[in-house]
Each structure stands twice: as structure tokens, then as C-alpha cells.
């Protein structure tokens, strides 16, 4: 079956209005203050939560 009427650009755009990508939600690291993703280790200091911190190896 063919569609009865052509879908207009406006109607197509309204249907796809929620398809846009959202930006990453960064939070501030409590120890060093650098931006980090929530529930992830900090790239700067390795801080994860109050009880756990990852040790980062120094570059030679």
C-alpha cells in the first residue's frame, strides 16, 4: 500500500524533534576540581568515591 498523502517537511521534523544528541553531563571532582563523568574515576587524580581512589602511574 502507498501512503495516502505525502509527509510534509514540518511533520517529519516534528516527529524527529527528540532524536538530537545530548551533551555529556560532567560533574566537578571533589578532590582536584577537574570535570569528570559521574560514577567514573577522575582522569586527573583517580578519585572514585570517599573510600576508593585509583593510583595513577606517572609517565616516564
PDB file of N, CA and C in Angstrom:
ATOM      1  N   UNK A   1       0.841  -1.190   0.000  1.00  0.00           N
ATOM      2  CA  UNK A   1       0.000   0.000   0.000  1.00  0.00           C
ATOM      3  C   UNK A   1       0.877   1.241   0.000  1.00  0.00           C
ATOM      4  N   UNK A   2       0.418   2.226  -0.697  1.00  0.00           N
ATOM      5  CA  UNK A   2       1.101   3.503  -0.725  1.00  0.00           C
ATOM      6  C   UNK A   2       0.476   4.440   0.297  1.00  0.00           C
ATOM      7  N   UNK A   3       1.250   5.398   0.804  1.00  0.00           N
ATOM      8  CA  UNK A   3       0.651   6.369   1.727  1.00  0.00           C
ATOM      9  C   UNK A   3      -0.368   7.249   1.002  1.00  0.00           C
ATOM     10  N   UNK A   4      -1.385   7.656   1.728  1.00  0.00           N
ATOM     11  CA  UNK A   4      -2.454   8.451   1.136  1.00  0.00           C
ATOM     12  C   UNK A   4      -1.934   9.833   0.756  1.00  0.00           C
ATOM     13  N   UNK A   5      -1.168  10.463   1.630  1.00  0.00           N
ATOM     14  CA  UNK A   5      -0.649  11.805   1.346  1.00  0.00           C
ATOM     15  C   UNK A   5       0.834  11.848   1.718  1.00  0.00           C
ATOM     16  N   UNK A   6       1.545  12.731   1.079  1.00  0.00           N
ATOM     17  CA  UNK A   6       2.980  12.880   1.346  1.00  0.00           C
ATOM     18  C   UNK A   6       3.184  13.520   2.719  1.00  0.00           C
ATOM     19  N   UNK A   7       4.200  13.060   3.459  1.00  0.00           N
ATOM     20  CA  UNK A   7       4.520  13.652   4.755  1.00  0.00           C
ATOM     21  C   UNK A   7       5.301  14.930   4.525  1.00  0.00           C
ATOM     22  N   UNK A   8       4.817  16.028   5.078  1.00  0.00           N
ATOM     23  CA  UNK A   8       5.467  17.325   4.875  1.00  0.00           C
ATOM     24  C   UNK A   8       6.770  17.415   5.657  1.00  0.00           C
ATOM     25  N   UNK A   9       7.611  18.365   5.289  1.00  0.00           N
ATOM     26  CA  UNK A   9       8.885  18.580   5.990  1.00  0.00           C
ATOM     27  C   UNK A   9       8.641  18.967   7.444  1.00  0.00           C
ATOM     28  N   UNK A  10       7.587  19.745   7.675  1.00  0.00           N
ATOM     29  CA  UNK A  10       7.263  20.170   9.030  1.00  0.00           C
ATOM     30  C   UNK A  10       6.870  18.981   9.906  1.00  0.00           C
ATOM     31  N   UNK A  11       6.011  18.126   9.402  1.00  0.00           N
ATOM     32  CA  UNK A  11       5.553  16.971  10.178  1.00  0.00           C
ATOM     33  C   UNK A  11       6.702  15.995  10.416  1.00  0.00           C
ATOM     34  N   UNK A  12       7.560  15.818   9.421  1.00  0.00           N
ATOM     35  CA  UNK A  12       8.718  14.944   9.570  1.00  0.00           C
ATOM     36  C   UNK A  12       9.672  15.505  10.623  1.00  0.00           C
ATOM     37  N   UNK A  13       9.867  16.840  10.617  1.00  0.00           N
ATOM     38  CA  UNK A  13      10.738  17.479  11.600  1.00  0.00           C
ATOM     39  C   UNK A  13      10.197  17.380  13.009  1.00  0.00           C
ATOM     40  N   UNK A  14       8.873  17.507  13.160  1.00  0.00           N
ATOM     41  CA  UNK A  14       8.259  17.393  14.490  1.00  0.00           C
ATOM     42  C   UNK A  14       8.382  15.972  15.031  1.00  0.00           C
ATOM     43  N   UNK A  15       8.283  14.985  14.161  1.00  0.00           N
ATOM     44  CA  UNK A  15       8.404  13.601  14.602  1.00  0.00           C
ATOM     45  C   UNK A  15       9.826  13.307  15.067  1.00  0.00           C
ATOM     46  N   UNK A  16      10.818  13.916  14.428  1.00  0.00           N
ATOM     47  CA  UNK A  16      12.223  13.671  14.752  1.00  0.00           C
ATOM     48  C   UNK A  16      12.786  14.699  15.728  1.00  0.00           C
ATOM     49  N   UNK A  17      11.954  15.461  16.385  1.00  0.00           N
ATOM     50  CA  UNK A  17      12.429  16.535  17.262  1.00  0.00           C
ATOM     51  C   UNK A  17      13.199  16.017  18.465  1.00  0.00           C
ATOM     52  N   UNK A  18      12.927  14.787  18.912  1.00  0.00           N
ATOM     53  CA  UNK A  18      13.593  14.242  20.090  1.00  0.00           C
ATOM     54  C   UNK A  18      14.780  13.349  19.723  1.00  0.00           C
ATOM     55  N   UNK A  19      15.201  13.323  18.470  1.00  0.00           N
ATOM     56  CA  UNK A  19      16.301  12.469  18.037  1.00  0.00           C
ATOM     57  C   UNK A  19      17.670  13.128  18.214  1.00  0.00           C
ATOM     58  N   UNK A  20      17.728  14.351  18.662  1.00  0.00           N
ATOM     59  CA  UNK A  20      19.005  15.060  18.786  1.00  0.00           C
ATOM     60  C   UNK A  20      19.849  14.460  19.903  1.00  0.00           C
ATOM     61  N   UNK A  21      21.170  14.518  19.746  1.00  0.00           N
ATOM     62  CA  UNK A  21      22.077  14.022  20.771  1.00  0.00           C
ATOM     63  C   UNK A  21      22.191  15.035  21.903  1.00  0.00           C
ATOM     64  N   UNK A  22      22.352  14.539  23.107  1.00  0.00           N
ATOM     65  CA  UNK A  22      22.508  15.413  24.267  1.00  0.00           C
ATOM     66  C   UNK A  22      23.973  15.444  24.667  1.00  0.00           C
ATOM     67  N   UNK A  23      24.408  16.538  25.249  1.00  0.00           N
ATOM     68  CA  UNK A  23      25.786  16.676  25.687  1.00  0.00           C
ATOM     69  C   UNK A  23      26.073  15.841  26.922  1.00  0.00           C
ATOM     70  N   UNK A  24      27.343  15.596  27.168  1.00  0.00           N
ATOM     71  CA  UNK A  24      27.747  14.811  28.330  1.00  0.00           C
ATOM     72  C   UNK A  24      27.498  15.611  29.610  1.00  0.00           C
ATOM     73  N   UNK A  25      27.098  14.911  30.656  1.00  0.00           N
ATOM     74  CA  UNK A  25      26.788  15.539  31.927  1.00  0.00           C
ATOM     75  C   UNK A  25      28.018  15.445  32.838  1.00  0.00           C
ATOM     76  N   UNK A  26      28.814  16.498  32.887  1.00  0.00           N
ATOM     77  CA  UNK A  26      30.034  16.496  33.681  1.00  0.00           C
ATOM     78  C   UNK A  26      29.744  17.009  35.091  1.00  0.00           C
ATOM     79  N   UNK A  27      30.480  16.460  36.044  1.00  0.00           N
ATOM     80  CA  UNK A  27      30.432  16.964  37.406  1.00  0.00           C
ATOM     81  C   UNK A  27      31.854  17.298  37.838  1.00  0.00           C
ATOM     82  N   UNK A  28      31.989  18.069  38.916  1.00  0.00           N
ATOM     83  CA  UNK A  28      33.300  18.504  39.382  1.00  0.00           C
ATOM     84  C   UNK A  28      33.856  17.482  40.359  1.00  0.00           C
ATOM     85  N   UNK A  29      35.133  17.125  40.177  1.00  0.00           N
ATOM     86  CA  UNK A  29      35.796  16.189  41.090  1.00  0.00           C
ATOM     87  C   UNK A  29      35.952  16.873  42.447  1.00  0.00           C
ATOM     88  N   UNK A  30      35.585  16.210  43.547  1.00  0.00           N
ATOM     89  CA  UNK A  30      35.668  16.854  44.856  1.00  0.00           C
ATOM     90  C   UNK A  30      37.102  17.060  45.350  1.00  0.00           C
ATOM     91  N   UNK A  31      38.068  16.307  44.822  1.00  0.00           N
ATOM     92  CA  UNK A  31      39.436  16.454  45.313  1.00  0.00           C
ATOM     93  C   UNK A  31      40.267  17.428  44.494  1.00  0.00           C
ATOM     94  N   UNK A  32      40.203  17.322  43.155  1.00  0.00           N
ATOM     95  CA  UNK A  32      41.062  18.195  42.338  1.00  0.00           C
ATOM     96  C   UNK A  32      40.283  19.275  41.595  1.00  0.00           C
ATOM     97  N   UNK A  33      38.966  19.143  41.475  1.00  0.00           N
ATOM     98  CA  UNK A  33      38.153  20.164  40.850  1.00  0.00           C
ATOM     99  C   UNK A  33      38.041  20.057  39.341  1.00  0.00           C
ATOM    100  N   UNK A  34      38.657  19.051  38.713  1.00  0.00           N
ATOM    101  CA  UNK A  34      38.565  18.890  37.265  1.00  0.00           C
ATOM    102  C   UNK A  34      37.218  18.273  36.905  1.00  0.00           C
ATOM    103  N   UNK A  35      36.712  18.539  35.693  1.00  0.00           N
ATOM    104  CA  UNK A  35      35.442  17.924  35.294  1.00  0.00           C
ATOM    105  C   UNK A  35      35.615  16.431  35.058  1.00  0.00           C
ATOM    106  N   UNK A  36      34.614  15.640  35.496  1.00  0.00           N
ATOM    107  CA  UNK A  36      34.643  14.194  35.308  1.00  0.00           C
ATOM    108  C   UNK A  36      33.224  13.696  35.071  1.00  0.00           C
ATOM    109  N   UNK A  37      33.112  12.526  34.460  1.00  0.00           N
ATOM    110  CA  UNK A  37      31.806  11.919  34.268  1.00  0.00           C
ATOM    111  C   UNK A  37      31.326  11.330  35.587  1.00  0.00           C
ATOM    112  N   UNK A  38      30.019  11.410  35.879  1.00  0.00           N
ATOM    113  CA  UNK A  38      29.523  10.846  37.128  1.00  0.00           C
ATOM    114  C   UNK A  38      29.676   9.326  37.158  1.00  0.00           C
ATOM    115  N   UNK A  39      29.963   8.765  38.318  1.00  0.00           N
ATOM    116  CA  UNK A  39      30.147   7.331  38.548  1.00  0.00           C
ATOM    117  C   UNK A  39      31.359   6.781  37.806  1.00  0.00           C
ATOM    118  N   UNK A  40      32.346   7.618  37.524  1.00  0.00           N
ATOM    119  CA  UNK A  40      33.581   7.203  36.873  1.00  0.00           C
ATOM    120  C   UNK A  40      34.752   7.753  37.679  1.00  0.00           C
ATOM    121  N   UNK A  41      35.931   7.181  37.460  1.00  0.00           N
ATOM    122  CA  UNK A  41      37.134   7.675  38.118  1.00  0.00           C
ATOM    123  C   UNK A  41      37.575   8.972  37.445  1.00  0.00           C
ATOM    124  N   UNK A  42      38.156   9.874  38.216  1.00  0.00           N
ATOM    125  CA  UNK A  42      38.638  11.152  37.702  1.00  0.00           C
ATOM    126  C   UNK A  42      39.906  10.913  36.876  1.00  0.00           C
ATOM    127  N   UNK A  43      40.024  11.569  35.732  1.00  0.00           N
ATOM    128  CA  UNK A  43      41.218  11.442  34.899  1.00  0.00           C
ATOM    129  C   UNK A  43      42.414  12.132  35.529  1.00  0.00           C
ATOM    130  N   UNK A  44      42.176  13.157  36.311  1.00  0.00           N
ATOM    131  CA  UNK A  44      43.272  13.923  36.878  1.00  0.00           C
ATOM    132  C   UNK A  44      43.916  13.255  38.082  1.00  0.00           C
ATOM    133  N   UNK A  45      43.098  12.832  39.050  1.00  0.00           N
ATOM    134  CA  UNK A  45      43.662  12.326  40.309  1.00  0.00           C
ATOM    135  C   UNK A  45      43.308  10.871  40.583  1.00  0.00           C
ATOM    136  N   UNK A  46      42.363  10.274  39.857  1.00  0.00           N
ATOM    137  CA  UNK A  46      41.990   8.885  40.078  1.00  0.00           C
ATOM    138  C   UNK A  46      40.954   8.684  41.169  1.00  0.00           C
ATOM    139  N   UNK A  47      40.390   9.765  41.691  1.00  0.00           N
ATOM    140  CA  UNK A  47      39.396   9.697  42.770  1.00  0.00           C
ATOM    141  C   UNK A  47      38.110   9.079  42.229  1.00  0.00           C
ATOM    142  N   UNK A  48      37.549   8.087  42.969  1.00  0.00           N
ATOM    143  CA  UNK A  48      36.293   7.455  42.577  1.00  0.00           C
ATOM    144  C   UNK A  48      35.190   7.849  43.542  1.00  0.00           C
ATOM    145  N   UNK A  49      35.377   7.543  44.839  1.00  0.00           N
ATOM    146  CA  UNK A  49      34.435   7.961  45.870  1.00  0.00           C
ATOM    147  C   UNK A  49      35.201   8.181  47.165  1.00  0.00           C
ATOM    148  N   UNK A  50      34.500   8.366  48.265  1.00  0.00           N
ATOM    149  CA  UNK A  50      35.157   8.705  49.538  1.00  0.00           C
ATOM    150  C   UNK A  50      36.136   7.635  50.000  1.00  0.00           C
ATOM    151  N   UNK A  51      35.806   6.359  49.774  1.00  0.00           N
ATOM    152  CA  UNK A  51      36.635   5.267  50.283  1.00  0.00           C
ATOM    153  C   UNK A  51      37.610   4.699  49.258  1.00  0.00           C
ATOM    154  N   UNK A  52      37.446   5.024  47.976  1.00  0.00           N
ATOM    155  CA  UNK A  52      38.232   4.374  46.917  1.00  0.00           C
ATOM    156  C   UNK A  52      38.894   5.424  46.028  1.00  0.00           C
ATOM    157  N   UNK A  53      40.170   5.244  45.776  1.00  0.00           N
ATOM    158  CA  UNK A  53      40.904   6.100  44.872  1.00  0.00           C
ATOM    159  C   UNK A  53      41.898   5.241  44.095  1.00  0.00           C
ATOM    160  N   UNK A  54      41.953   5.392  42.786  1.00  0.00           N
ATOM    161  CA  UNK A  54      42.852   4.616  41.950  1.00  0.00           C
ATOM    162  C   UNK A  54      44.211   5.292  41.893  1.00  0.00           C
ATOM    163  N   UNK A  55      45.251   4.485  41.913  1.00  0.00           N
ATOM    164  CA  UNK A  55      46.608   5.019  41.827  1.00  0.00           C
ATOM    165  C   UNK A  55      46.979   5.125  40.358  1.00  0.00           C
ATOM    166  N   UNK A  56      47.351   6.335  39.926  1.00  0.00           N
ATOM    167  CA  UNK A  56      47.739   6.546  38.549  1.00  0.00           C
ATOM    168  C   UNK A  56      49.243   6.415  38.410  1.00  0.00           C
ATOM    169  N   UNK A  57      49.700   5.756  37.352  1.00  0.00           N
ATOM    170  CA  UNK A  57      51.139   5.621  37.092  1.00  0.00           C
ATOM    171  C   UNK A  57      51.660   6.892  36.440  1.00  0.00           C
ATOM    172  N   UNK A  58      52.796   7.342  36.859  1.00  0.00           N
ATOM    173  CA  UNK A  58      53.420   8.536  36.288  1.00  0.00           C
ATOM    174  C   UNK A  58      54.049   8.196  34.948  1.00  0.00           C
ATOM    175  N   UNK A  59      53.962   9.123  33.990  1.00  0.00           N
ATOM    176  CA  UNK A  59      54.581   8.919  32.684  1.00  0.00           C
ATOM    177  C   UNK A  59      56.083   9.143  32.808  1.00  0.00           C
ATOM    178  N   UNK A  60      56.866   8.311  32.134  1.00  0.00           N
ATOM    179  CA  UNK A  60      58.321   8.411  32.217  1.00  0.00           C
ATOM    180  C   UNK A  60      58.886   9.536  31.394  1.00  0.00           C
TER     181      UNK A  60
END
